[in-house]
Amino acid sequence: MVVVLASLVVAGVALRLALLLSFTPAYLDYPDTWGYVKAARGPLFMDDWIRPAGYPAFLAGLQAVWGSLTFAIVVQHLAGVATALLAYATVHRLGAPRWVAVVPAAVILLCLDVVYFEHTLLSEALFALLSVAALYALARSLEGGAVAWAAAAGALAAFAVTVRGAGLFAIPVLVLVALLAPGRRLPRAGAVGVAAAAVLLGYAAVNQSQTGTFGLTEGSGWATYSRAAPFADCRVFDPPRGTRALCETSDVRDRGTPDQYSWRDSPATRLFGGPPHRAELVGSWGRAAILAQPRAYVSAVAADLWSFVDVSGRNRRAGPAGLELDGHVNTGEPLNRTQVEPYYGPYTLQTHGAAAFGTIQRIVRVHGPLVLLAVVLSLLALPFATARERLGILLLGGTAVVPVVLATATTVYNWRYAVPVLSLLMASGAWGAHVLGARLAARRSAAAAEQPAHEPVAGQRQDAIA
């Protein structure tokens, strides 16, 4: 398996080099790049930005070393390769067979959905590295019982949260696994929780000193509004004072997606101008709608979760199709250029072989049915796994599924939530398949051993008598 891993690394590096030569200096189409670079230019904690400052701080650190956009992209590609190797080491340390440990490394090294984020100025590559590093540290703690490794796991997981807020939902999974594992349960779980809390509280305090908001970001109420607006019916609840204008009478089947309610034309954007303005007010309206219509809320969340399996629905823009390296540049690039060029200098976009990369990306992808299969295999394997296997599957599958489910339940559906954790989910599913296969093989062996010896045929019986 070492040879297989080495071959995958060579292929992954070659893929990244080809991308560096084909898409220069980077793929700058996604509109969120604008805000990240603006924050990196300073101040890191912006009053009108709704994302954590961890990734802009990372860009600012790279800028201090070398103010080159190509340098930043190369570092992110190297981070992707490092993440793959860490994922292999993590899964193997948790007790999985080596072939299972190769699975997440292969996803990271060869899946162009993953490589896409390394080749642009978005937070996913750094988030994935920190998340996998946290799991590696916890695996070391489970292996040797060292509380210091557990504290490192908590701190790394918290730093991942400062890069992407959805990482917050993974921390309880780490604490739970640390608590369930044998040996030094409470000290280890406590170290994870205390270290994570220390980092997050420190970040929140700094954020308050800069923006007046104690927390990760401003504007969380907009997520609640956007989650509820597609199904909200003001006839079944009383809108809070000052929010009646947010109500709609249109058929819910004709309304937009949650993402559209935050960032495109909607009652709230027309009234308040978009996130993070009046976040508390629009959030109160969203909470009232959800509490009054729990069934509609659950149905909406379930439909969005199914979009991770069936990416062809009405949320297609937020699915893999919105992240394809097809060479197409839309309105996002000119907007991003207004921040990228003052920070990194003038650049000329060049794309060669875009169609080929787009085709490879659509083929070498963790397709929706594989996502569902991995979840099912992980769940089915839990009753048949050993204690160590169960903990490993719980850690890998839990840190992949829980953040995606809760992020979708509290904000919107977006394939971006899945991409950084696809490798962990595939590892969990592969491990589940191994457990189920071993169980089936054991049953067959036991059944064969219990069968009585066959009676000899007549000729054999006569030979025995003679």
Protein backbone atom coordinates (compact mmCIF):
# COMPACT_ATOMS: atom_id res chain seq x y z
CA MET A 1 0.00 0.00 0.00
CA VAL A 2 2.97 2.33 0.45
CA VAL A 3 3.66 2.00 -3.27
CA VAL A 4 0.02 2.77 -4.02
CA LEU A 5 0.13 5.84 -1.76
CA ALA A 6 3.35 7.03 -3.37
CA SER A 7 1.80 6.59 -6.82
CA LEU A 8 -1.23 8.60 -5.75
CA VAL A 9 1.00 11.39 -4.45
CA VAL A 10 2.90 11.50 -7.75
CA ALA A 11 -0.39 11.62 -9.67
CA GLY A 12 -1.77 14.29 -7.34
CA VAL A 13 1.31 16.47 -7.68
CA ALA A 14 1.26 16.07 -11.47
CA LEU A 15 -2.40 17.07 -11.55
CA ARG A 16 -1.68 20.18 -9.54
CA LEU A 17 1.30 21.13 -11.69
CA ALA A 18 -0.83 20.78 -14.81
CA LEU A 19 -3.47 23.00 -13.24
CA LEU A 20 -0.88 25.61 -12.28
CA LEU A 21 0.30 25.74 -15.90
CA SER A 22 -3.20 25.72 -17.38
CA PHE A 23 -5.07 28.14 -15.12
CA THR A 24 -2.79 31.06 -14.31
CA PRO A 25 -2.41 32.71 -11.92
CA ALA A 26 -5.44 31.13 -10.22
CA TYR A 27 -9.14 30.38 -10.65
CA LEU A 28 -10.73 33.61 -9.44
CA ASP A 29 -14.37 33.17 -10.31
CA TYR A 30 -16.09 32.60 -6.95
CA PRO A 31 -17.42 35.90 -5.53
CA ASP A 32 -16.47 35.16 -1.90
CA THR A 33 -12.83 35.70 -2.88
CA TRP A 34 -13.54 39.43 -2.88
CA GLY A 35 -14.30 39.54 0.84
CA TYR A 36 -11.45 37.27 1.91
CA VAL A 37 -8.85 39.36 0.11
CA LYS A 38 -10.39 42.61 1.32
CA ALA A 39 -10.12 41.38 4.91
CA ALA A 40 -6.54 40.22 4.31
CA ARG A 41 -5.69 43.74 3.18
CA GLY A 42 -7.03 44.92 6.55
CA PRO A 43 -8.67 45.16 8.88
CA LEU A 44 -9.02 41.40 9.41
CA PHE A 45 -12.19 41.89 11.43
CA MET A 46 -14.46 43.86 9.14
CA ASP A 47 -17.74 45.36 10.34
CA ASP A 48 -19.61 44.39 7.19
CA TRP A 49 -18.29 40.85 6.65
CA ILE A 50 -20.04 37.72 7.88
CA ARG A 51 -17.20 35.16 7.70
CA PRO A 52 -14.48 34.39 10.25
CA ALA A 53 -11.07 36.03 9.95
CA GLY A 54 -8.93 32.88 10.01
CA TYR A 55 -8.46 32.54 6.28
CA PRO A 56 -7.76 36.24 5.64
CA ALA A 57 -5.16 36.03 8.43
CA PHE A 58 -3.60 33.07 6.62
CA LEU A 59 -3.43 35.08 3.38
CA ALA A 60 -1.92 38.02 5.24
CA GLY A 61 0.73 35.72 6.72
CA LEU A 62 1.66 34.40 3.27
CA GLN A 63 1.74 37.98 1.96
CA ALA A 64 4.28 38.85 4.65
CA VAL A 65 6.52 36.05 3.39
CA TRP A 66 6.13 36.72 -0.33
CA GLY A 67 3.55 38.98 -1.91
CA SER A 68 2.86 36.74 -4.87
CA LEU A 69 -0.51 35.27 -5.80
CA THR A 70 1.23 32.27 -7.37
CA PHE A 71 3.08 31.67 -4.12
CA ALA A 72 -0.19 31.64 -2.17
CA ILE A 73 -1.73 29.15 -4.61
CA VAL A 74 1.33 26.88 -4.54
CA VAL A 75 1.25 26.85 -0.74
CA GLN A 76 -2.40 25.82 -0.84
CA HIS A 77 -1.60 22.99 -3.25
CA LEU A 78 1.16 21.82 -0.94
CA ALA A 79 -1.34 22.00 1.92
CA GLY A 80 -3.62 19.71 -0.08
CA VAL A 81 -0.89 17.09 -0.49
CA ALA A 82 -0.05 17.38 3.21
CA THR A 83 -3.74 16.92 4.07
CA ALA A 84 -3.83 13.71 2.01
CA LEU A 85 -0.81 12.28 3.84
CA LEU A 86 -2.23 13.30 7.21
CA ALA A 87 -5.55 11.67 6.34
CA TYR A 88 -3.76 8.41 5.50
CA ALA A 89 -1.79 8.52 8.75
CA THR A 90 -4.90 9.36 10.78
CA VAL A 91 -7.06 6.56 9.44
CA HIS A 92 -4.28 4.02 9.80
CA ARG A 93 -3.55 5.09 13.39
CA LEU A 94 -7.22 4.72 14.22
CA GLY A 95 -6.83 1.02 13.38
CA ALA A 96 -8.18 0.76 9.84
CA PRO A 97 -6.49 -1.46 7.24
CA ARG A 98 -4.01 0.30 5.00
CA TRP A 99 -6.26 0.02 1.96
CA VAL A 100 -8.95 1.93 3.84
CA ALA A 101 -6.41 4.58 4.84
CA VAL A 102 -5.52 5.05 1.17
CA VAL A 103 -9.12 5.96 0.28
CA PRO A 104 -9.21 9.48 1.82
CA ALA A 105 -5.75 10.23 0.44
CA ALA A 106 -6.95 9.27 -3.05
CA VAL A 107 -10.00 11.53 -2.74
CA ILE A 108 -7.90 14.52 -1.74
CA LEU A 109 -5.15 13.93 -4.29
CA LEU A 110 -7.27 13.15 -7.36
CA CYS A 111 -10.69 14.75 -6.87
CA LEU A 112 -10.73 18.07 -8.74
CA ASP A 113 -13.55 19.34 -6.54
CA VAL A 114 -10.94 19.33 -3.76
CA VAL A 115 -8.15 20.69 -5.96
CA TYR A 116 -10.45 23.50 -7.11
CA PHE A 117 -10.32 25.09 -3.67
CA GLU A 118 -6.55 24.85 -3.54
CA HIS A 119 -6.38 26.78 -6.81
CA THR A 120 -8.49 29.73 -5.72
CA LEU A 121 -8.61 32.15 -2.82
CA LEU A 122 -11.22 30.39 -0.72
CA SER A 123 -10.99 28.92 2.76
CA GLU A 124 -11.64 25.21 2.13
CA ALA A 125 -8.05 24.02 1.61
CA LEU A 126 -6.87 25.52 4.91
CA PHE A 127 -10.01 24.33 6.68
CA ALA A 128 -9.48 20.76 5.47
CA LEU A 129 -5.85 20.75 6.60
CA LEU A 130 -6.71 21.98 10.09
CA SER A 131 -9.65 19.59 10.41
CA VAL A 132 -7.63 16.52 9.43
CA ALA A 133 -4.75 17.65 11.65
CA ALA A 134 -7.20 17.79 14.57
CA LEU A 135 -8.28 14.20 13.87
CA TYR A 136 -4.66 13.09 13.62
CA ALA A 137 -3.90 14.63 17.01
CA LEU A 138 -6.92 12.92 18.55
CA ALA A 139 -5.89 9.60 16.99
CA ARG A 140 -2.49 10.00 18.65
CA SER A 141 -4.22 10.69 21.95
CA LEU A 142 -6.46 7.62 21.63
CA GLU A 143 -3.44 5.53 20.75
CA GLY A 144 -1.20 6.56 23.64
CA GLY A 145 -3.51 8.33 26.06
CA ALA A 146 -1.51 11.58 25.98
CA VAL A 147 -3.63 14.52 27.14
CA ALA A 148 -1.33 16.93 25.30
CA TRP A 149 -2.36 15.40 21.98
CA ALA A 150 -6.01 15.74 22.99
CA ALA A 151 -5.49 19.42 23.77
CA ALA A 152 -3.82 19.85 20.39
CA ALA A 153 -6.84 18.23 18.76
CA GLY A 154 -9.19 20.68 20.45
CA ALA A 155 -7.07 23.69 19.56
CA LEU A 156 -6.68 22.65 15.92
CA ALA A 157 -10.42 22.00 15.61
CA ALA A 158 -11.12 25.46 17.03
CA PHE A 159 -8.66 27.11 14.63
CA ALA A 160 -10.55 25.33 11.85
CA VAL A 161 -13.72 27.03 13.13
CA THR A 162 -12.06 30.43 12.75
CA VAL A 163 -11.58 29.53 9.09
CA ARG A 164 -15.05 28.09 8.43
CA GLY A 165 -17.77 28.38 11.04
CA ALA A 166 -19.31 25.01 10.10
CA GLY A 167 -16.34 23.35 11.80
CA LEU A 168 -17.91 24.24 15.15
CA PHE A 169 -20.24 21.25 14.83
CA ALA A 170 -17.30 18.82 14.66
CA ILE A 171 -15.97 19.68 18.11
CA PRO A 172 -18.71 17.81 20.06
CA VAL A 173 -17.90 14.71 17.98
CA LEU A 174 -14.25 14.92 19.01
CA VAL A 175 -15.21 15.34 22.65
CA LEU A 176 -17.60 12.38 22.47
CA VAL A 177 -15.04 10.06 20.90
CA ALA A 178 -12.42 11.15 23.44
CA LEU A 179 -14.90 10.36 26.20
CA LEU A 180 -15.89 6.95 24.82
CA ALA A 181 -12.37 5.67 24.19
CA PRO A 182 -10.83 3.59 27.00
CA GLY A 183 -8.20 5.04 29.32
CA ARG A 184 -8.11 8.57 30.79
CA ARG A 185 -11.54 9.38 29.43
CA LEU A 186 -12.34 12.52 31.41
CA PRO A 187 -8.88 14.15 31.22
CA ARG A 188 -8.70 13.52 27.50
CA ALA A 189 -12.22 14.74 26.72
CA GLY A 190 -11.73 17.71 29.03
CA ALA A 191 -8.49 18.64 27.27
CA VAL A 192 -10.25 18.64 23.89
CA GLY A 193 -13.10 20.80 25.17
CA VAL A 194 -11.02 23.23 27.22
CA ALA A 195 -8.47 23.81 24.45
CA ALA A 196 -11.20 24.39 21.89
CA ALA A 197 -13.09 26.74 24.19
CA ALA A 198 -9.92 28.72 24.98
CA VAL A 199 -9.20 29.35 21.30
CA LEU A 200 -12.79 30.24 20.43
CA LEU A 201 -13.30 32.51 23.42
CA GLY A 202 -10.03 34.26 22.65
CA TYR A 203 -11.12 34.76 19.06
CA ALA A 204 -14.54 36.05 20.15
CA ALA A 205 -12.90 38.52 22.53
CA VAL A 206 -10.65 39.87 19.79
CA ASN A 207 -13.63 40.10 17.45
CA GLN A 208 -15.54 42.09 20.06
CA SER A 209 -12.64 44.48 20.54
CA GLN A 210 -12.58 45.14 16.79
CA THR A 211 -16.24 45.04 15.76
CA GLY A 212 -18.25 45.13 18.98
CA THR A 213 -19.62 41.62 18.36
CA PHE A 214 -18.70 38.83 20.79
CA GLY A 215 -18.73 35.75 18.59
CA LEU A 216 -17.37 34.32 15.38
CA THR A 217 -19.03 36.75 12.98
CA GLU A 218 -21.85 39.18 12.54
CA GLY A 219 -25.01 38.52 10.61
CA SER A 220 -25.99 35.05 11.83
CA GLY A 221 -29.64 36.13 11.88
CA TRP A 222 -29.58 36.29 8.09
CA ALA A 223 -28.90 32.57 7.96
CA THR A 224 -32.03 31.94 10.04
CA TYR A 225 -34.08 34.23 7.82
CA SER A 226 -32.82 32.56 4.65
CA ARG A 227 -33.47 29.11 6.05
CA ALA A 228 -37.11 29.98 6.82
CA ALA A 229 -38.09 32.35 4.00
CA PRO A 230 -38.65 29.71 1.28
CA PHE A 231 -41.48 28.11 3.28
CA ALA A 232 -42.62 30.82 5.73
CA ASP A 233 -46.35 31.53 5.88
CA CYS A 234 -47.14 34.62 7.96
CA ARG A 235 -50.74 33.48 8.28
CA VAL A 236 -49.69 30.89 10.86
CA PHE A 237 -47.45 33.10 13.04
CA ASP A 238 -47.21 36.68 14.20
CA PRO A 239 -44.16 38.37 12.65
CA PRO A 240 -42.10 40.29 15.23
CA ARG A 241 -42.52 44.04 15.23
CA GLY A 242 -40.84 45.64 12.24
CA THR A 243 -40.72 42.46 10.14
CA ARG A 244 -44.16 42.34 8.51
CA ALA A 245 -42.61 43.50 5.22
CA LEU A 246 -40.62 40.25 5.07
CA CYS A 247 -43.79 38.21 4.58
CA GLU A 248 -44.67 36.81 1.16
CA THR A 249 -47.92 35.46 -0.24
CA SER A 250 -46.39 33.67 -3.22
CA ASP A 251 -46.60 29.91 -3.66
CA VAL A 252 -43.71 28.28 -1.81
CA ARG A 253 -43.04 26.15 -4.89
CA ASP A 254 -42.18 29.30 -6.81
CA ARG A 255 -39.80 30.78 -4.25
CA GLY A 256 -36.03 30.81 -4.42
CA THR A 257 -33.45 28.88 -2.44
CA PRO A 258 -32.12 30.02 0.95
CA ASP A 259 -28.94 31.24 -0.73
CA GLN A 260 -30.97 33.48 -3.01
CA TYR A 261 -32.78 35.06 -0.05
CA SER A 262 -29.46 36.19 1.48
CA TRP A 263 -27.54 37.31 -1.58
CA ARG A 264 -30.01 38.13 -4.33
CA ASP A 265 -33.33 39.90 -4.62
CA SER A 266 -35.55 39.16 -1.60
CA PRO A 267 -37.80 41.11 0.76
CA ALA A 268 -34.99 41.40 3.32
CA THR A 269 -32.28 42.49 0.89
CA ARG A 270 -34.63 45.09 -0.57
CA LEU A 271 -35.55 46.34 2.88
CA PHE A 272 -32.23 46.17 4.74
CA GLY A 273 -29.57 45.84 2.04
CA GLY A 274 -28.30 42.33 2.79
CA PRO A 275 -26.06 40.71 5.42
CA PRO A 276 -25.08 41.61 8.07
CA HIS A 277 -27.41 44.60 8.40
CA ARG A 278 -30.26 44.25 10.91
CA ALA A 279 -29.30 40.61 11.47
CA GLU A 280 -31.05 40.37 14.84
CA LEU A 281 -34.34 41.62 13.39
CA VAL A 282 -34.44 39.37 10.32
CA GLY A 283 -33.28 36.47 12.50
CA SER A 284 -36.19 36.95 14.89
CA TRP A 285 -38.58 36.67 11.94
CA GLY A 286 -36.90 33.47 10.79
CA ARG A 287 -37.03 31.90 14.25
CA ALA A 288 -40.73 32.72 14.56
CA ALA A 289 -41.43 31.06 11.21
CA ILE A 290 -39.47 27.92 12.10
CA LEU A 291 -41.13 27.55 15.51
CA ALA A 292 -44.57 27.98 13.96
CA GLN A 293 -43.89 25.59 11.05
CA PRO A 294 -41.65 22.79 12.32
CA ARG A 295 -42.85 20.30 9.72
CA ALA A 296 -42.17 22.68 6.87
CA TYR A 297 -38.74 23.40 8.34
CA VAL A 298 -37.83 19.71 8.65
CA SER A 299 -39.10 19.07 5.14
CA ALA A 300 -37.01 21.92 3.73
CA VAL A 301 -33.86 20.75 5.51
CA ALA A 302 -34.43 17.15 4.40
CA ALA A 303 -34.86 18.27 0.79
CA ASP A 304 -31.61 20.24 0.95
CA LEU A 305 -29.76 17.32 2.52
CA TRP A 306 -30.97 15.11 -0.29
CA SER A 307 -29.33 17.60 -2.67
CA PHE A 308 -25.96 16.19 -1.58
CA VAL A 309 -27.11 12.90 -3.13
CA ASP A 310 -29.15 14.21 -6.06
CA VAL A 311 -27.31 17.29 -7.30
CA SER A 312 -29.63 17.85 -10.26
CA GLY A 313 -32.43 19.60 -8.34
CA ARG A 314 -33.30 23.27 -8.06
CA ASN A 315 -30.22 23.90 -5.91
CA ARG A 316 -27.96 22.97 -8.82
CA ARG A 317 -26.16 26.32 -8.71
CA ALA A 318 -25.02 25.57 -5.15
CA GLY A 319 -23.91 22.05 -6.11
CA PRO A 320 -20.80 20.74 -7.85
CA ALA A 321 -21.77 22.45 -11.10
CA GLY A 322 -21.05 25.80 -9.48
CA LEU A 323 -17.44 24.81 -8.75
CA GLU A 324 -16.29 23.42 -12.08
CA LEU A 325 -12.96 24.26 -13.69
CA ASP A 326 -14.52 24.82 -17.09
CA GLY A 327 -12.71 28.03 -17.92
CA HIS A 328 -15.86 30.10 -17.77
CA VAL A 329 -15.49 33.42 -15.98
CA ASN A 330 -18.64 35.14 -14.84
CA THR A 331 -19.27 38.36 -12.95
CA GLY A 332 -17.34 37.07 -9.94
CA GLU A 333 -13.90 37.56 -11.48
CA PRO A 334 -14.19 41.30 -12.26
CA LEU A 335 -15.44 41.88 -8.72
CA ASN A 336 -12.59 39.85 -7.23
CA ARG A 337 -10.04 41.65 -9.39
CA THR A 338 -10.86 44.92 -7.58
CA GLN A 339 -9.34 43.43 -4.42
CA VAL A 340 -6.85 40.91 -5.79
CA GLU A 341 -4.88 43.30 -7.99
CA PRO A 342 -4.28 45.94 -5.27
CA TYR A 343 -3.07 43.16 -2.98
CA TYR A 344 -1.07 40.93 -5.31
CA GLY A 345 -0.46 43.14 -8.32
CA PRO A 346 -1.86 43.13 -11.87
CA TYR A 347 -2.48 39.76 -13.46
CA THR A 348 -3.62 38.31 -16.77
CA LEU A 349 -5.96 35.35 -16.69
CA GLN A 350 -4.96 32.45 -18.93
CA THR A 351 -6.82 29.19 -19.29
CA HIS A 352 -5.55 26.31 -21.39
CA GLY A 353 -7.27 22.94 -21.68
CA ALA A 354 -10.26 24.13 -19.68
CA ALA A 355 -12.59 21.63 -21.31
CA ALA A 356 -10.30 18.74 -20.40
CA PHE A 357 -10.12 19.75 -16.75
CA GLY A 358 -13.87 20.20 -16.61
CA THR A 359 -14.40 16.73 -18.06
CA ILE A 360 -11.96 15.12 -15.62
CA GLN A 361 -13.59 16.95 -12.74
CA ARG A 362 -17.05 15.69 -13.65
CA ILE A 363 -15.77 12.10 -13.92
CA VAL A 364 -13.33 11.90 -10.98
CA ARG A 365 -15.77 13.13 -8.37
CA VAL A 366 -17.41 11.79 -5.25
CA HIS A 367 -20.82 11.55 -6.85
CA GLY A 368 -24.02 11.83 -4.84
CA PRO A 369 -24.79 8.08 -4.73
CA LEU A 370 -21.34 7.47 -3.24
CA VAL A 371 -22.12 9.96 -0.49
CA LEU A 372 -25.29 8.05 0.38
CA LEU A 373 -23.54 4.68 0.12
CA ALA A 374 -20.77 5.79 2.49
CA VAL A 375 -23.30 6.95 5.08
CA VAL A 376 -25.27 3.71 4.83
CA LEU A 377 -22.18 1.48 5.07
CA SER A 378 -20.92 3.43 8.09
CA LEU A 379 -24.22 3.04 9.94
CA LEU A 380 -24.69 -0.63 9.04
CA ALA A 381 -21.19 -1.51 10.21
CA LEU A 382 -21.48 -0.03 13.71
CA PRO A 383 -23.27 -3.03 15.33
CA PHE A 384 -20.73 -5.48 13.91
CA ALA A 385 -17.53 -3.51 14.52
CA THR A 386 -15.09 -3.99 17.36
CA ALA A 387 -14.90 -1.23 19.95
CA ARG A 388 -11.86 0.28 18.26
CA GLU A 389 -13.40 0.08 14.81
CA ARG A 390 -16.61 1.63 16.08
CA LEU A 391 -14.76 4.60 17.53
CA GLY A 392 -12.83 5.12 14.30
CA ILE A 393 -15.95 5.03 12.13
CA LEU A 394 -17.76 7.31 14.56
CA LEU A 395 -14.91 9.83 14.49
CA LEU A 396 -14.49 9.87 10.71
CA GLY A 397 -18.15 9.63 9.80
CA GLY A 398 -19.30 11.91 12.59
CA THR A 399 -16.91 14.75 11.78
CA ALA A 400 -17.98 14.48 8.14
CA VAL A 401 -21.76 14.12 8.50
CA VAL A 402 -22.61 16.18 11.60
CA PRO A 403 -21.14 19.49 10.36
CA VAL A 404 -22.78 19.08 6.95
CA VAL A 405 -26.19 18.23 8.42
CA LEU A 406 -26.18 20.99 11.02
CA ALA A 407 -24.73 23.60 8.68
CA THR A 408 -27.50 22.82 6.21
CA ALA A 409 -30.11 22.90 8.98
CA THR A 410 -28.98 26.30 10.23
CA THR A 411 -27.93 28.01 7.01
CA VAL A 412 -28.15 26.73 3.43
CA TYR A 413 -27.28 23.80 1.22
CA ASN A 414 -23.95 24.17 -0.53
CA TRP A 415 -21.56 21.59 -1.97
CA ARG A 416 -18.78 23.63 -0.35
CA TYR A 417 -19.80 22.19 3.01
CA ALA A 418 -19.20 18.65 1.75
CA VAL A 419 -15.97 18.97 -0.22
CA PRO A 420 -13.54 19.41 2.74
CA VAL A 421 -14.98 16.35 4.51
CA LEU A 422 -15.65 14.04 1.56
CA SER A 423 -12.38 12.24 2.19
CA LEU A 424 -13.37 11.49 5.79
CA LEU A 425 -16.79 10.25 4.75
CA MET A 426 -15.33 7.97 2.09
CA ALA A 427 -12.86 6.59 4.64
CA SER A 428 -15.71 5.90 7.05
CA GLY A 429 -17.70 4.17 4.31
CA ALA A 430 -14.73 2.09 3.17
CA TRP A 431 -14.05 1.04 6.75
CA GLY A 432 -17.70 0.12 7.14
CA ALA A 433 -17.48 -2.03 3.99
CA HIS A 434 -14.41 -3.75 5.42
CA VAL A 435 -16.19 -4.50 8.70
CA LEU A 436 -19.26 -5.87 6.95
CA GLY A 437 -17.13 -7.93 4.57
CA ALA A 438 -15.13 -9.41 7.45
CA ARG A 439 -18.36 -10.23 9.31
CA LEU A 440 -19.81 -11.97 6.27
CA ALA A 441 -16.60 -13.95 5.72
CA ALA A 442 -16.59 -15.03 9.38
CA ARG A 443 -20.17 -16.23 9.14
CA ARG A 444 -19.40 -18.24 6.04
CA SER A 445 -16.37 -19.84 7.70
CA ALA A 446 -18.42 -20.71 10.78
CA ALA A 447 -21.18 -22.20 8.65
CA ALA A 448 -18.69 -24.30 6.72
CA ALA A 449 -17.09 -25.57 9.93
CA GLU A 450 -20.46 -26.64 11.34
CA GLN A 451 -21.43 -28.74 8.30
CA PRO A 452 -21.02 -32.54 8.85
CA ALA A 453 -18.54 -34.45 6.76
CA HIS A 454 -20.04 -35.81 3.54
CA GLU A 455 -20.83 -39.55 3.39
CA PRO A 456 -18.46 -41.39 1.01
CA VAL A 457 -19.96 -42.56 -2.23
CA ALA A 458 -20.58 -46.32 -2.75
CA GLY A 459 -17.31 -47.02 -4.53
CA GLN A 460 -15.34 -45.20 -1.85
CA ARG A 461 -17.16 -47.19 0.90
CA GLN A 462 -16.27 -50.53 -0.78
CA ASP A 463 -12.63 -49.49 -1.17
CA ALA A 464 -12.55 -48.64 2.52
CA ILE A 465 -13.98 -52.08 3.46
CA ALA A 466 -11.53 -53.90 1.21
